[in-house]
Amino acid sequence: MSDENIWKGPVVDAHHHFWDPIANDHPWLRPDVMIPFRYGDYSAIKRPYLPDDYRRDAAGHAVCETVYVETEWDPNTPLDETRYASGLSARYGLPSVIVAQAWLDRDDAAAIIAGQAAFPLVRSIRHKPEGPASPDEVGRTRTLMSDDKWRRGFALLDKYGLHFDLQTSWWNLDEAITLARDFPRVLIILNHAGLPADRSPEGLAGWRAAMASFAEEPNVRVKISGIGLRGRPWRAEDNRWIVEQIVAMFGADRAMFASNFPVDSLCGSFDTIFSGFKRITARYSTADQARLFCETAREVYRTNESSRILAQAV
């Protein structure tokens, strides 16, 4: 494929983080904490990561708007995180919009959701539902998506016109399908492609079947991000099939690329990952590339309402 087919237009980064674990409390980023993590040792990202760092990483790609996603800030003060991220936007011109934290099964969920909705940049809520850690555990345990109290919190998102960012493994998508059907007016955005970490034939077959069923629901979208492999540098060759299957199942108008930085810096540079996405999608039409790199995220999150410009098209 010639270079002229490579996407050179604007990019809306649909999922990234900023944090300063020295100034703010992120329990998982404390110096003495190491949680089980899909990429293994994440000590390298236990440092401040702020807009100037992001701009350096994203140099060479025409990032025009970005989506800040909650960072597992201290759950006792979720509004403080949104206030902090909003302050970064005012000072640095990014992020453009925010996916905020709210623990939907807590007694204060209604107040927190109302408080988050009052911030002009908030578009969506994320609360990881946990649950079965492997396909073998499905049926023995359930995720919070099946918990009545959690679902009552979820129902409030419709009242405020908020989306829901869902981070769960593919083997839990049956519960997500039920959630989507029970709340058809809430848009559910699946984070990190359903986490296809198991690249065995059986793992990929299970992932594809689950994703295909999930894609049938009209009120779902998907982010193509967080698909690095533990202990292996990010390569387009490792991820081409995943990307192509997602585009085939969801269509370019319901899928969007994202960096997941700085987390995915554990797997590769921003340039490696986004250049890889661009090489993989070079066979698609210009219209589909525009949707994947920019227009889907812009439509879903209304990122251009803040008129934040990070870079000019290269």
Protein backbone atom coordinates (compact mmCIF):
# COMPACT_ATOMS: atom_id res chain seq x y z
CA MET A 1 0.00 0.00 0.00
CA SER A 2 1.46 3.36 -1.00
CA ASP A 3 1.97 6.18 1.47
CA GLU A 4 -0.78 8.19 -0.21
CA ASN A 5 -3.35 5.79 1.26
CA ILE A 6 -2.12 6.37 4.81
CA TRP A 7 -4.42 8.59 6.89
CA LYS A 8 -2.91 12.06 7.33
CA GLY A 9 -5.98 13.88 8.56
CA PRO A 10 -7.15 14.88 12.03
CA VAL A 11 -7.17 12.48 14.97
CA VAL A 12 -9.51 12.51 17.94
CA ASP A 13 -7.84 10.43 20.64
CA ALA A 14 -10.86 8.69 22.19
CA HIS A 15 -9.17 7.44 25.36
CA HIS A 16 -6.21 8.71 27.34
CA HIS A 17 -5.29 9.75 30.88
CA PHE A 18 -3.51 12.52 32.72
CA TRP A 19 -2.33 12.15 36.29
CA ASP A 20 0.03 13.47 38.91
CA PRO A 21 0.34 10.75 41.57
CA ILE A 22 2.62 12.99 43.61
CA ALA A 23 -0.02 15.69 44.04
CA ASN A 24 -3.18 13.52 43.89
CA ASP A 25 -4.22 10.15 45.27
CA HIS A 26 -4.55 7.32 42.79
CA PRO A 27 -4.44 4.21 45.01
CA TRP A 28 -3.07 1.95 42.27
CA LEU A 29 -0.25 4.41 41.50
CA ARG A 30 1.05 4.67 45.06
CA PRO A 31 4.78 3.78 45.30
CA ASP A 32 4.15 0.74 47.50
CA VAL A 33 1.23 -0.69 45.49
CA MET A 34 1.38 -3.11 42.56
CA ILE A 35 -1.98 -4.48 41.41
CA PRO A 36 -2.39 -7.41 38.98
CA PHE A 37 -2.19 -5.76 35.57
CA ARG A 38 -2.60 -7.08 32.06
CA TYR A 39 0.74 -5.63 30.95
CA GLY A 40 2.62 -6.81 34.04
CA ASP A 41 4.92 -4.42 35.92
CA TYR A 42 3.62 -0.88 35.42
CA SER A 43 6.15 0.95 37.60
CA ALA A 44 7.26 3.02 34.60
CA ILE A 45 3.97 4.94 34.52
CA LYS A 46 3.92 5.79 38.23
CA ARG A 47 4.96 9.34 37.41
CA PRO A 48 3.20 12.56 36.46
CA TYR A 49 1.77 12.49 32.95
CA LEU A 50 0.42 15.87 31.91
CA PRO A 51 -0.60 17.67 28.71
CA ASP A 52 2.91 18.74 27.77
CA ASP A 53 4.04 15.10 28.06
CA TYR A 54 1.16 14.02 25.87
CA ARG A 55 1.93 16.64 23.24
CA ARG A 56 5.52 15.39 23.02
CA ASP A 57 4.34 11.80 22.66
CA ALA A 58 1.71 12.65 20.03
CA ALA A 59 3.99 14.85 17.92
CA GLY A 60 3.71 14.00 14.24
CA HIS A 61 0.06 12.99 14.45
CA ALA A 62 -2.67 15.55 13.89
CA VAL A 63 -4.42 15.19 17.23
CA CYS A 64 -7.15 17.81 17.30
CA GLU A 65 -9.27 16.72 20.29
CA THR A 66 -8.94 14.25 23.13
CA VAL A 67 -11.07 12.30 25.61
CA TYR A 68 -9.80 12.12 29.21
CA VAL A 69 -10.91 8.95 30.95
CA GLU A 70 -11.09 8.61 34.73
CA THR A 71 -7.91 7.28 36.29
CA GLU A 72 -9.09 5.31 39.35
CA TRP A 73 -8.61 8.41 41.47
CA ASP A 74 -9.53 8.01 45.14
CA PRO A 75 -13.21 6.92 44.89
CA ASN A 76 -14.06 9.01 47.94
CA THR A 77 -13.45 12.24 45.99
CA PRO A 78 -14.49 11.61 42.36
CA LEU A 79 -15.65 15.18 41.78
CA ASP A 80 -12.17 16.40 42.66
CA GLU A 81 -10.78 14.44 39.72
CA THR A 82 -13.23 16.04 37.32
CA ARG A 83 -12.43 19.46 38.73
CA TYR A 84 -8.73 18.70 38.25
CA ALA A 85 -9.16 17.51 34.65
CA SER A 86 -11.36 20.51 33.85
CA GLY A 87 -8.60 22.74 35.19
CA LEU A 88 -6.05 21.07 32.91
CA SER A 89 -8.35 21.74 29.97
CA ALA A 90 -8.68 25.40 30.90
CA ARG A 91 -4.92 25.80 31.34
CA TYR A 92 -3.52 23.65 28.53
CA GLY A 93 -6.36 23.37 26.00
CA LEU A 94 -6.78 19.65 26.59
CA PRO A 95 -8.48 17.37 27.29
CA SER A 96 -11.47 18.32 25.19
CA VAL A 97 -13.98 16.24 27.16
CA ILE A 98 -14.07 13.96 30.20
CA VAL A 99 -15.25 10.46 31.07
CA ALA A 100 -15.82 10.79 34.81
CA GLN A 101 -15.82 8.38 37.72
CA ALA A 102 -18.96 7.35 39.60
CA TRP A 103 -19.35 4.11 41.56
CA LEU A 104 -22.87 3.19 40.57
CA ASP A 105 -23.55 0.87 43.50
CA ARG A 106 -22.62 3.33 46.23
CA ASP A 107 -25.19 5.08 48.41
CA ASP A 108 -24.05 8.45 47.06
CA ALA A 109 -24.29 7.43 43.39
CA ALA A 110 -27.21 9.75 42.61
CA ALA A 111 -25.44 12.78 44.09
CA ILE A 112 -22.13 11.95 42.39
CA ILE A 113 -23.74 11.44 38.97
CA ALA A 114 -25.61 14.73 39.31
CA GLY A 115 -22.39 16.44 40.33
CA GLN A 116 -20.45 14.98 37.42
CA ALA A 117 -23.17 15.94 34.95
CA ALA A 118 -22.88 19.55 36.07
CA PHE A 119 -19.34 19.83 34.67
CA PRO A 120 -19.53 21.15 31.09
CA LEU A 121 -16.87 18.76 29.75
CA VAL A 122 -18.34 15.53 31.15
CA ARG A 123 -19.84 13.25 28.51
CA SER A 124 -19.74 9.78 30.05
CA ILE A 125 -19.30 7.80 33.27
CA ARG A 126 -17.01 4.82 33.89
CA HIS A 127 -17.20 2.26 36.68
CA LYS A 128 -15.45 -1.03 35.95
CA PRO A 129 -17.91 -3.83 36.84
CA GLU A 130 -15.22 -6.43 37.68
CA GLY A 131 -16.56 -10.00 37.76
CA PRO A 132 -15.23 -13.31 36.34
CA ALA A 133 -11.49 -13.15 35.71
CA SER A 134 -11.55 -15.86 33.04
CA PRO A 135 -14.07 -17.57 30.76
CA ASP A 136 -14.03 -20.60 33.07
CA GLU A 137 -15.53 -18.53 35.89
CA VAL A 138 -18.53 -17.32 33.88
CA GLY A 139 -21.68 -18.69 35.47
CA ARG A 140 -20.10 -19.08 38.90
CA THR A 141 -19.83 -15.35 39.49
CA ARG A 142 -21.42 -12.30 37.90
CA THR A 143 -20.32 -8.74 37.24
CA LEU A 144 -21.88 -5.64 38.73
CA MET A 145 -23.84 -5.29 35.50
CA SER A 146 -26.24 -7.84 36.99
CA ASP A 147 -26.44 -6.21 40.43
CA ASP A 148 -29.76 -4.47 41.14
CA LYS A 149 -28.25 -1.58 43.08
CA TRP A 150 -25.61 -0.95 40.40
CA ARG A 151 -28.28 -1.02 37.71
CA ARG A 152 -30.34 1.56 39.58
CA GLY A 153 -27.31 3.82 39.46
CA PHE A 154 -26.85 3.05 35.77
CA ALA A 155 -30.46 4.06 35.09
CA LEU A 156 -29.66 7.60 36.24
CA LEU A 157 -27.32 8.14 33.28
CA ASP A 158 -30.31 8.49 30.97
CA LYS A 159 -31.73 11.28 33.16
CA TYR A 160 -28.59 13.36 32.62
CA GLY A 161 -27.91 12.40 29.00
CA LEU A 162 -24.66 10.66 29.89
CA HIS A 163 -23.03 7.73 28.13
CA PHE A 164 -21.38 4.80 29.88
CA ASP A 165 -17.80 3.69 29.23
CA LEU A 166 -17.63 -0.05 29.85
CA GLN A 167 -14.33 -1.76 30.57
CA THR A 168 -14.83 -5.50 30.83
CA SER A 169 -13.41 -8.64 29.31
CA TRP A 170 -15.12 -10.19 26.31
CA TRP A 171 -16.44 -13.18 28.24
CA ASN A 172 -18.67 -10.80 30.22
CA LEU A 173 -20.37 -9.32 27.17
CA ASP A 174 -23.52 -11.42 27.57
CA GLU A 175 -24.25 -9.32 30.64
CA ALA A 176 -23.41 -6.16 28.67
CA ILE A 177 -25.88 -7.18 25.97
CA THR A 178 -28.62 -7.50 28.59
CA LEU A 179 -27.65 -4.10 29.96
CA ALA A 180 -27.81 -2.52 26.51
CA ARG A 181 -31.25 -4.00 25.86
CA ASP A 182 -32.61 -2.99 29.25
CA PHE A 183 -31.38 0.60 28.86
CA PRO A 184 -31.69 1.31 25.13
CA ARG A 185 -31.35 5.09 25.52
CA VAL A 186 -27.92 4.89 27.17
CA LEU A 187 -24.99 4.62 24.77
CA ILE A 188 -22.46 2.02 25.96
CA ILE A 189 -18.89 2.47 24.75
CA LEU A 190 -16.78 -0.67 25.14
CA ASN A 191 -13.24 0.19 26.16
CA HIS A 192 -10.12 -1.50 24.80
CA ALA A 193 -11.80 -3.76 22.25
CA GLY A 194 -13.11 -6.16 24.89
CA LEU A 195 -9.55 -6.93 26.07
CA PRO A 196 -8.46 -9.65 23.61
CA ALA A 197 -5.31 -10.59 25.52
CA ASP A 198 -5.58 -14.33 24.83
CA ARG A 199 -4.40 -14.73 21.25
CA SER A 200 -4.70 -18.52 21.16
CA PRO A 201 -7.09 -19.86 18.49
CA GLU A 202 -9.63 -20.66 21.20
CA GLY A 203 -9.24 -17.25 22.81
CA LEU A 204 -9.64 -15.39 19.53
CA ALA A 205 -12.66 -17.48 18.55
CA GLY A 206 -14.33 -16.74 21.89
CA TRP A 207 -13.52 -13.04 21.62
CA ARG A 208 -14.88 -12.77 18.10
CA ALA A 209 -18.13 -14.58 18.92
CA ALA A 210 -18.74 -12.40 21.95
CA MET A 211 -17.94 -9.20 20.08
CA ALA A 212 -20.15 -10.16 17.13
CA SER A 213 -23.12 -10.65 19.46
CA PHE A 214 -22.42 -7.38 21.27
CA ALA A 215 -22.14 -5.51 17.96
CA GLU A 216 -25.74 -6.41 17.13
CA GLU A 217 -26.99 -3.96 19.77
CA PRO A 218 -27.63 -0.53 18.23
CA ASN A 219 -26.68 1.46 21.33
CA VAL A 220 -23.08 0.25 21.58
CA ARG A 221 -19.76 1.58 20.30
CA VAL A 222 -16.19 0.30 20.67
CA LYS A 223 -12.74 1.75 21.19
CA ILE A 224 -9.82 0.13 19.42
CA SER A 225 -7.16 0.64 22.06
CA GLY A 226 -5.40 -1.19 24.85
CA ILE A 227 -4.64 -4.18 22.60
CA GLY A 228 -0.95 -4.51 23.38
CA LEU A 229 0.46 -7.85 24.48
CA ARG A 230 2.25 -8.48 27.74
CA GLY A 231 6.02 -8.69 27.37
CA ARG A 232 5.94 -7.97 23.64
CA PRO A 233 6.52 -4.69 21.76
CA TRP A 234 3.44 -3.33 19.97
CA ARG A 235 3.38 -4.50 16.32
CA ALA A 236 0.80 -3.93 13.62
CA GLU A 237 1.23 -7.56 12.56
CA ASP A 238 0.05 -8.74 15.98
CA ASN A 239 -3.03 -6.54 15.96
CA ARG A 240 -4.15 -6.33 12.33
CA TRP A 241 -6.69 -9.15 12.60
CA ILE A 242 -8.21 -7.66 15.78
CA VAL A 243 -8.66 -4.26 14.12
CA GLU A 244 -10.05 -5.68 10.91
CA GLN A 245 -12.53 -7.90 12.73
CA ILE A 246 -13.80 -4.96 14.79
CA VAL A 247 -14.32 -2.82 11.71
CA ALA A 248 -16.11 -5.70 9.98
CA MET A 249 -18.39 -6.31 12.99
CA PHE A 250 -19.15 -2.76 14.10
CA GLY A 251 -18.50 -0.69 11.00
CA ALA A 252 -16.30 2.39 10.93
CA ASP A 253 -19.19 4.54 12.13
CA ARG A 254 -19.30 2.70 15.47
CA ALA A 255 -15.57 2.21 16.15
CA MET A 256 -12.82 4.64 17.10
CA PHE A 257 -9.08 4.56 17.68
CA ALA A 258 -7.48 5.65 20.94
CA SER A 259 -4.01 5.72 22.46
CA ASN A 260 -4.72 4.71 26.06
CA PHE A 261 -1.66 6.74 26.96
CA PRO A 262 0.31 6.70 29.13
CA VAL A 263 -0.76 3.12 29.96
CA ASP A 264 0.02 1.74 26.51
CA SER A 265 3.42 3.37 26.56
CA LEU A 266 4.29 0.15 28.37
CA CYS A 267 3.89 -1.57 24.97
CA GLY A 268 5.01 1.00 22.44
CA SER A 269 5.42 4.67 21.62
CA PHE A 270 2.45 6.78 20.56
CA ASP A 271 3.93 6.92 17.07
CA THR A 272 4.38 3.15 16.89
CA ILE A 273 0.76 2.54 17.87
CA PHE A 274 -0.90 5.19 15.73
CA SER A 275 1.35 4.57 12.75
CA GLY A 276 0.39 0.92 13.13
CA PHE A 277 -3.31 1.79 13.12
CA LYS A 278 -2.75 3.89 10.01
CA ARG A 279 -0.93 1.11 8.17
CA ILE A 280 -3.60 -1.42 9.09
CA THR A 281 -6.40 0.83 7.81
CA ALA A 282 -4.67 2.01 4.64
CA ARG A 283 -6.81 -0.38 2.58
CA TYR A 284 -10.02 1.26 3.76
CA SER A 285 -11.73 4.17 2.03
CA THR A 286 -10.85 7.70 3.05
CA ALA A 287 -14.35 8.07 4.49
CA ASP A 288 -13.95 5.03 6.73
CA GLN A 289 -10.51 6.13 7.88
CA ALA A 290 -11.96 9.55 8.77
CA ARG A 291 -14.62 7.88 10.88
CA LEU A 292 -12.17 5.60 12.69
CA PHE A 293 -9.61 8.28 13.45
CA CYS A 294 -11.87 11.26 14.02
CA GLU A 295 -15.55 11.42 13.23
CA THR A 296 -16.94 8.55 15.33
CA ALA A 297 -15.28 9.80 18.51
CA ARG A 298 -16.25 13.38 17.71
CA GLU A 299 -19.87 12.38 17.23
CA VAL A 300 -20.05 10.15 20.32
CA TYR A 301 -18.28 12.51 22.73
CA ARG A 302 -19.03 15.89 21.06
CA THR A 303 -15.36 16.71 21.42
CA ASN A 304 -15.38 19.67 19.04
CA GLU A 305 -17.79 21.65 21.20
CA SER A 306 -14.85 22.83 23.29
CA SER A 307 -12.93 24.00 20.20
CA ARG A 308 -9.60 22.71 21.49
CA ILE A 309 -6.90 22.46 18.83
CA LEU A 310 -3.71 20.55 19.64
CA ALA A 311 -2.12 20.30 16.22
CA GLN A 312 -2.55 21.05 12.57
CA ALA A 313 -3.05 18.29 10.02
CA VAL A 314 0.27 16.97 8.75
